[in-house]
PDB file of N, CA and C in Angstrom:
ATOM      1  N   UNK A   1      -4.369  -1.939   2.746  1.00  0.00           N
ATOM      2  CA  UNK A   1      -3.744  -0.904   3.538  1.00  0.00           C
ATOM      3  C   UNK A   1      -4.803   0.087   3.964  1.00  0.00           C
ATOM      4  N   UNK A   2      -4.718   0.469   5.202  1.00  0.00           N
ATOM      5  CA  UNK A   2      -5.708   1.401   5.724  1.00  0.00           C
ATOM      6  C   UNK A   2      -5.006   2.681   6.141  1.00  0.00           C
ATOM      7  N   UNK A   3      -5.700   3.807   5.950  1.00  0.00           N
ATOM      8  CA  UNK A   3      -5.130   5.086   6.336  1.00  0.00           C
ATOM      9  C   UNK A   3      -6.223   5.934   6.965  1.00  0.00           C
ATOM     10  N   UNK A   4      -6.006   6.285   8.192  1.00  0.00           N
ATOM     11  CA  UNK A   4      -6.862   7.249   8.857  1.00  0.00           C
ATOM     12  C   UNK A   4      -6.041   8.508   9.039  1.00  0.00           C
ATOM     13  N   UNK A   5      -6.681   9.647   9.046  1.00  0.00           N
ATOM     14  CA  UNK A   5      -5.963  10.905   9.160  1.00  0.00           C
ATOM     15  C   UNK A   5      -5.084  10.893  10.406  1.00  0.00           C
ATOM     16  N   UNK A   6      -3.811  11.209  10.219  1.00  0.00           N
ATOM     17  CA  UNK A   6      -2.884  11.259  11.332  1.00  0.00           C
ATOM     18  C   UNK A   6      -2.280   9.917  11.718  1.00  0.00           C
ATOM     19  N   UNK A   7      -2.623   8.850  11.001  1.00  0.00           N
ATOM     20  CA  UNK A   7      -2.084   7.531  11.318  1.00  0.00           C
ATOM     21  C   UNK A   7      -1.172   7.058  10.201  1.00  0.00           C
ATOM     22  N   UNK A   8      -0.290   6.126  10.546  1.00  0.00           N
ATOM     23  CA  UNK A   8       0.599   5.542   9.555  1.00  0.00           C
ATOM     24  C   UNK A   8      -0.183   4.572   8.681  1.00  0.00           C
ATOM     25  N   UNK A   9       0.306   4.372   7.460  1.00  0.00           N
ATOM     26  CA  UNK A   9      -0.287   3.374   6.577  1.00  0.00           C
ATOM     27  C   UNK A   9       0.058   1.991   7.095  1.00  0.00           C
ATOM     28  N   UNK A  10      -0.883   1.102   7.062  1.00  0.00           N
ATOM     29  CA  UNK A  10      -0.654  -0.255   7.518  1.00  0.00           C
ATOM     30  C   UNK A  10      -1.203  -1.237   6.498  1.00  0.00           C
ATOM     31  N   UNK A  11      -0.525  -2.371   6.390  1.00  0.00           N
ATOM     32  CA  UNK A  11      -1.029  -3.445   5.543  1.00  0.00           C
ATOM     33  C   UNK A  11      -2.050  -4.203   6.365  1.00  0.00           C
ATOM     34  N   UNK A  12      -3.235  -4.402   5.817  1.00  0.00           N
ATOM     35  CA  UNK A  12      -4.283  -5.125   6.519  1.00  0.00           C
ATOM     36  C   UNK A  12      -3.912  -6.584   6.722  1.00  0.00           C
ATOM     37  N   UNK A  13      -4.411  -7.161   7.798  1.00  0.00           N
ATOM     38  CA  UNK A  13      -4.117  -8.558   8.119  1.00  0.00           C
ATOM     39  C   UNK A  13      -4.556  -9.488   6.993  1.00  0.00           C
ATOM     40  N   UNK A  14      -5.715  -9.224   6.398  1.00  0.00           N
ATOM     41  CA  UNK A  14      -6.189 -10.094   5.316  1.00  0.00           C
ATOM     42  C   UNK A  14      -5.275 -10.004   4.095  1.00  0.00           C
ATOM     43  N   UNK A  15      -4.771  -8.793   3.780  1.00  0.00           N
ATOM     44  CA  UNK A  15      -3.837  -8.649   2.664  1.00  0.00           C
ATOM     45  C   UNK A  15      -2.559  -9.432   2.924  1.00  0.00           C
ATOM     46  N   UNK A  16      -2.067  -9.352   4.145  1.00  0.00           N
ATOM     47  CA  UNK A  16      -0.837 -10.045   4.518  1.00  0.00           C
ATOM     48  C   UNK A  16      -1.022 -11.559   4.407  1.00  0.00           C
ATOM     49  N   UNK A  17      -2.125 -12.078   4.935  1.00  0.00           N
ATOM     50  CA  UNK A  17      -2.377 -13.519   4.887  1.00  0.00           C
ATOM     51  C   UNK A  17      -2.537 -14.009   3.455  1.00  0.00           C
ATOM     52  N   UNK A  18      -3.240 -13.237   2.643  1.00  0.00           N
ATOM     53  CA  UNK A  18      -3.434 -13.617   1.244  1.00  0.00           C
ATOM     54  C   UNK A  18      -2.093 -13.684   0.517  1.00  0.00           C
ATOM     55  N   UNK A  19      -1.237 -12.706   0.763  1.00  0.00           N
ATOM     56  CA  UNK A  19       0.077 -12.692   0.122  1.00  0.00           C
ATOM     57  C   UNK A  19       0.903 -13.903   0.545  1.00  0.00           C
ATOM     58  N   UNK A  20       0.897 -14.214   1.823  1.00  0.00           N
ATOM     59  CA  UNK A  20       1.658 -15.360   2.326  1.00  0.00           C
ATOM     60  C   UNK A  20       1.140 -16.653   1.712  1.00  0.00           C
ATOM     61  N   UNK A  21      -0.171 -16.811   1.648  1.00  0.00           N
ATOM     62  CA  UNK A  21      -0.751 -18.027   1.067  1.00  0.00           C
ATOM     63  C   UNK A  21      -0.362 -18.180  -0.401  1.00  0.00           C
ATOM     64  N   UNK A  22      -0.431 -17.096  -1.159  1.00  0.00           N
ATOM     65  CA  UNK A  22      -0.085 -17.175  -2.578  1.00  0.00           C
ATOM     66  C   UNK A  22       1.385 -17.534  -2.765  1.00  0.00           C
ATOM     67  N   UNK A  23       2.241 -16.948  -1.954  1.00  0.00           N
ATOM     68  CA  UNK A  23       3.672 -17.223  -2.076  1.00  0.00           C
ATOM     69  C   UNK A  23       3.987 -18.654  -1.661  1.00  0.00           C
ATOM     70  N   UNK A  24       3.372 -19.141  -0.580  1.00  0.00           N
ATOM     71  CA  UNK A  24       3.640 -20.499  -0.106  1.00  0.00           C
ATOM     72  C   UNK A  24       3.226 -21.555  -1.126  1.00  0.00           C
ATOM     73  N   UNK A  25       2.201 -21.283  -1.916  1.00  0.00           N
ATOM     74  CA  UNK A  25       1.692 -22.251  -2.877  1.00  0.00           C
ATOM     75  C   UNK A  25       2.493 -22.279  -4.176  1.00  0.00           C
ATOM     76  N   UNK A  26       3.318 -21.277  -4.415  1.00  0.00           N
ATOM     77  CA  UNK A  26       3.950 -21.146  -5.721  1.00  0.00           C
ATOM     78  C   UNK A  26       5.351 -21.699  -5.823  1.00  0.00           C
ATOM     79  N   UNK A  27       5.781 -21.839  -7.082  1.00  0.00           N
ATOM     80  CA  UNK A  27       7.161 -22.200  -7.373  1.00  0.00           C
ATOM     81  C   UNK A  27       8.012 -20.929  -7.290  1.00  0.00           C
ATOM     82  N   UNK A  28       9.348 -21.046  -7.363  1.00  0.00           N
ATOM     83  CA  UNK A  28      10.201 -19.853  -7.209  1.00  0.00           C
ATOM     84  C   UNK A  28       9.850 -18.703  -8.154  1.00  0.00           C
ATOM     85  N   UNK A  29       9.548 -19.010  -9.416  1.00  0.00           N
ATOM     86  CA  UNK A  29       9.198 -17.947 -10.362  1.00  0.00           C
ATOM     87  C   UNK A  29       7.913 -17.241  -9.944  1.00  0.00           C
ATOM     88  N   UNK A  30       6.938 -18.020  -9.514  1.00  0.00           N
ATOM     89  CA  UNK A  30       5.667 -17.446  -9.064  1.00  0.00           C
ATOM     90  C   UNK A  30       5.876 -16.613  -7.808  1.00  0.00           C
ATOM     91  N   UNK A  31       6.726 -17.109  -6.912  1.00  0.00           N
ATOM     92  CA  UNK A  31       7.010 -16.370  -5.680  1.00  0.00           C
ATOM     93  C   UNK A  31       7.577 -14.993  -6.017  1.00  0.00           C
ATOM     94  N   UNK A  32       8.543 -14.955  -6.913  1.00  0.00           N
ATOM     95  CA  UNK A  32       9.134 -13.670  -7.298  1.00  0.00           C
ATOM     96  C   UNK A  32       8.115 -12.759  -7.968  1.00  0.00           C
ATOM     97  N   UNK A  33       7.294 -13.321  -8.831  1.00  0.00           N
ATOM     98  CA  UNK A  33       6.271 -12.525  -9.525  1.00  0.00           C
ATOM     99  C   UNK A  33       5.266 -11.961  -8.518  1.00  0.00           C
ATOM    100  N   UNK A  34       4.831 -12.802  -7.575  1.00  0.00           N
ATOM    101  CA  UNK A  34       3.868 -12.351  -6.561  1.00  0.00           C
ATOM    102  C   UNK A  34       4.489 -11.290  -5.653  1.00  0.00           C
ATOM    103  N   UNK A  35       5.738 -11.511  -5.252  1.00  0.00           N
ATOM    104  CA  UNK A  35       6.409 -10.528  -4.396  1.00  0.00           C
ATOM    105  C   UNK A  35       6.534  -9.193  -5.118  1.00  0.00           C
ATOM    106  N   UNK A  36       6.864  -9.241  -6.404  1.00  0.00           N
ATOM    107  CA  UNK A  36       6.948  -8.013  -7.191  1.00  0.00           C
ATOM    108  C   UNK A  36       5.606  -7.313  -7.295  1.00  0.00           C
ATOM    109  N   UNK A  37       4.547  -8.088  -7.511  1.00  0.00           N
ATOM    110  CA  UNK A  37       3.204  -7.512  -7.615  1.00  0.00           C
ATOM    111  C   UNK A  37       2.779  -6.892  -6.290  1.00  0.00           C
ATOM    112  N   UNK A  38       3.090  -7.569  -5.192  1.00  0.00           N
ATOM    113  CA  UNK A  38       2.748  -7.046  -3.867  1.00  0.00           C
ATOM    114  C   UNK A  38       3.498  -5.745  -3.618  1.00  0.00           C
ATOM    115  N   UNK A  39       4.801  -5.737  -3.939  1.00  0.00           N
ATOM    116  CA  UNK A  39       5.601  -4.527  -3.759  1.00  0.00           C
ATOM    117  C   UNK A  39       5.089  -3.376  -4.606  1.00  0.00           C
ATOM    118  N   UNK A  40       4.755  -3.663  -5.853  1.00  0.00           N
ATOM    119  CA  UNK A  40       4.232  -2.629  -6.751  1.00  0.00           C
ATOM    120  C   UNK A  40       2.926  -2.060  -6.208  1.00  0.00           C
ATOM    121  N   UNK A  41       2.056  -2.929  -5.726  1.00  0.00           N
ATOM    122  CA  UNK A  41       0.780  -2.503  -5.157  1.00  0.00           C
ATOM    123  C   UNK A  41       1.007  -1.605  -3.942  1.00  0.00           C
ATOM    124  N   UNK A  42       1.947  -1.986  -3.087  1.00  0.00           N
ATOM    125  CA  UNK A  42       2.232  -1.185  -1.897  1.00  0.00           C
ATOM    126  C   UNK A  42       2.764   0.191  -2.290  1.00  0.00           C
ATOM    127  N   UNK A  43       3.660   0.238  -3.277  1.00  0.00           N
ATOM    128  CA  UNK A  43       4.213   1.512  -3.733  1.00  0.00           C
ATOM    129  C   UNK A  43       3.107   2.401  -4.296  1.00  0.00           C
ATOM    130  N   UNK A  44       2.204   1.813  -5.085  1.00  0.00           N
ATOM    131  CA  UNK A  44       1.097   2.596  -5.641  1.00  0.00           C
ATOM    132  C   UNK A  44       0.217   3.167  -4.538  1.00  0.00           C
ATOM    133  N   UNK A  45      -0.060   2.375  -3.512  1.00  0.00           N
ATOM    134  CA  UNK A  45      -0.883   2.858  -2.400  1.00  0.00           C
ATOM    135  C   UNK A  45      -0.168   3.967  -1.642  1.00  0.00           C
ATOM    136  N   UNK A  46       1.138   3.827  -1.444  1.00  0.00           N
ATOM    137  CA  UNK A  46       1.905   4.871  -0.767  1.00  0.00           C
ATOM    138  C   UNK A  46       1.924   6.154  -1.591  1.00  0.00           C
ATOM    139  N   UNK A  47       2.049   6.019  -2.911  1.00  0.00           N
ATOM    140  CA  UNK A  47       2.035   7.200  -3.770  1.00  0.00           C
ATOM    141  C   UNK A  47       0.688   7.911  -3.696  1.00  0.00           C
ATOM    142  N   UNK A  48      -0.399   7.142  -3.731  1.00  0.00           N
ATOM    143  CA  UNK A  48      -1.735   7.751  -3.623  1.00  0.00           C
ATOM    144  C   UNK A  48      -1.900   8.451  -2.278  1.00  0.00           C
ATOM    145  N   UNK A  49      -1.420   7.814  -1.214  1.00  0.00           N
ATOM    146  CA  UNK A  49      -1.526   8.426   0.112  1.00  0.00           C
ATOM    147  C   UNK A  49      -0.716   9.718   0.166  1.00  0.00           C
ATOM    148  N   UNK A  50       0.455   9.713  -0.451  1.00  0.00           N
ATOM    149  CA  UNK A  50       1.272  10.926  -0.500  1.00  0.00           C
ATOM    150  C   UNK A  50       0.594  12.031  -1.288  1.00  0.00           C
ATOM    151  N   UNK A  51      -0.009  11.668  -2.405  1.00  0.00           N
ATOM    152  CA  UNK A  51      -0.733  12.653  -3.209  1.00  0.00           C
ATOM    153  C   UNK A  51      -1.911  13.230  -2.431  1.00  0.00           C
ATOM    154  N   UNK A  52      -2.619  12.376  -1.694  1.00  0.00           N
ATOM    155  CA  UNK A  52      -3.736  12.849  -0.875  1.00  0.00           C
ATOM    156  C   UNK A  52      -3.244  13.802   0.208  1.00  0.00           C
ATOM    157  N   UNK A  53      -2.113  13.472   0.818  1.00  0.00           N
ATOM    158  CA  UNK A  53      -1.561  14.340   1.860  1.00  0.00           C
ATOM    159  C   UNK A  53      -1.173  15.694   1.277  1.00  0.00           C
ATOM    160  N   UNK A  54      -0.558  15.689   0.094  1.00  0.00           N
ATOM    161  CA  UNK A  54      -0.207  16.950  -0.555  1.00  0.00           C
ATOM    162  C   UNK A  54      -1.447  17.762  -0.904  1.00  0.00           C
ATOM    163  N   UNK A  55      -2.485  17.096  -1.382  1.00  0.00           N
ATOM    164  CA  UNK A  55      -3.738  17.781  -1.687  1.00  0.00           C
ATOM    165  C   UNK A  55      -4.319  18.431  -0.437  1.00  0.00           C
ATOM    166  N   UNK A  56      -4.279  17.707   0.690  1.00  0.00           N
ATOM    167  CA  UNK A  56      -4.789  18.262   1.948  1.00  0.00           C
ATOM    168  C   UNK A  56      -3.984  19.479   2.369  1.00  0.00           C
ATOM    169  N   UNK A  57      -2.657  19.399   2.234  1.00  0.00           N
ATOM    170  CA  UNK A  57      -1.811  20.543   2.580  1.00  0.00           C
ATOM    171  C   UNK A  57      -2.117  21.744   1.694  1.00  0.00           C
ATOM    172  N   UNK A  58      -2.293  21.499   0.409  1.00  0.00           N
ATOM    173  CA  UNK A  58      -2.610  22.590  -0.512  1.00  0.00           C
ATOM    174  C   UNK A  58      -3.951  23.222  -0.170  1.00  0.00           C
ATOM    175  N   UNK A  59      -4.943  22.402   0.191  1.00  0.00           N
ATOM    176  CA  UNK A  59      -6.244  22.939   0.583  1.00  0.00           C
ATOM    177  C   UNK A  59      -6.123  23.793   1.835  1.00  0.00           C
ATOM    178  N   UNK A  60      -5.358  23.301   2.813  1.00  0.00           N
ATOM    179  CA  UNK A  60      -5.178  24.055   4.053  1.00  0.00           C
ATOM    180  C   UNK A  60      -4.487  25.382   3.788  1.00  0.00           C
ATOM    181  N   UNK A  61      -3.480  25.375   2.926  1.00  0.00           N
ATOM    182  CA  UNK A  61      -2.756  26.611   2.604  1.00  0.00           C
ATOM    183  C   UNK A  61      -3.651  27.598   1.866  1.00  0.00           C
ATOM    184  N   UNK A  62      -4.486  27.082   0.970  1.00  0.00           N
ATOM    185  CA  UNK A  62      -5.372  27.954   0.203  1.00  0.00           C
ATOM    186  C   UNK A  62      -6.464  28.562   1.072  1.00  0.00           C
ATOM    187  N   UNK A  63      -6.832  27.880   2.158  1.00  0.00           N
ATOM    188  CA  UNK A  63      -7.875  28.385   3.047  1.00  0.00           C
ATOM    189  C   UNK A  63      -7.346  29.445   4.002  1.00  0.00           C
ATOM    190  N   UNK A  64      -6.045  29.522   4.158  1.00  0.00           N
ATOM    191  CA  UNK A  64      -5.465  30.488   5.107  1.00  0.00           C
ATOM    192  C   UNK A  64      -5.322  31.851   4.508  1.00  0.00           C
TER     193      UNK A  64
END
């Protein structure tokens, strides 16, 4: 996932392809485990991005 200031978070093409390949190769249990891991990873990245945004807002407020 890439994040530039002022842009939405996006899943990188390589991350997407890797996830699809892993899921296509697996049995149903593996597919569910991989999907869960991918979802967890995405949530963690979104949380970090949110924390960074809050930190930036706090810095801006403190500078005013």
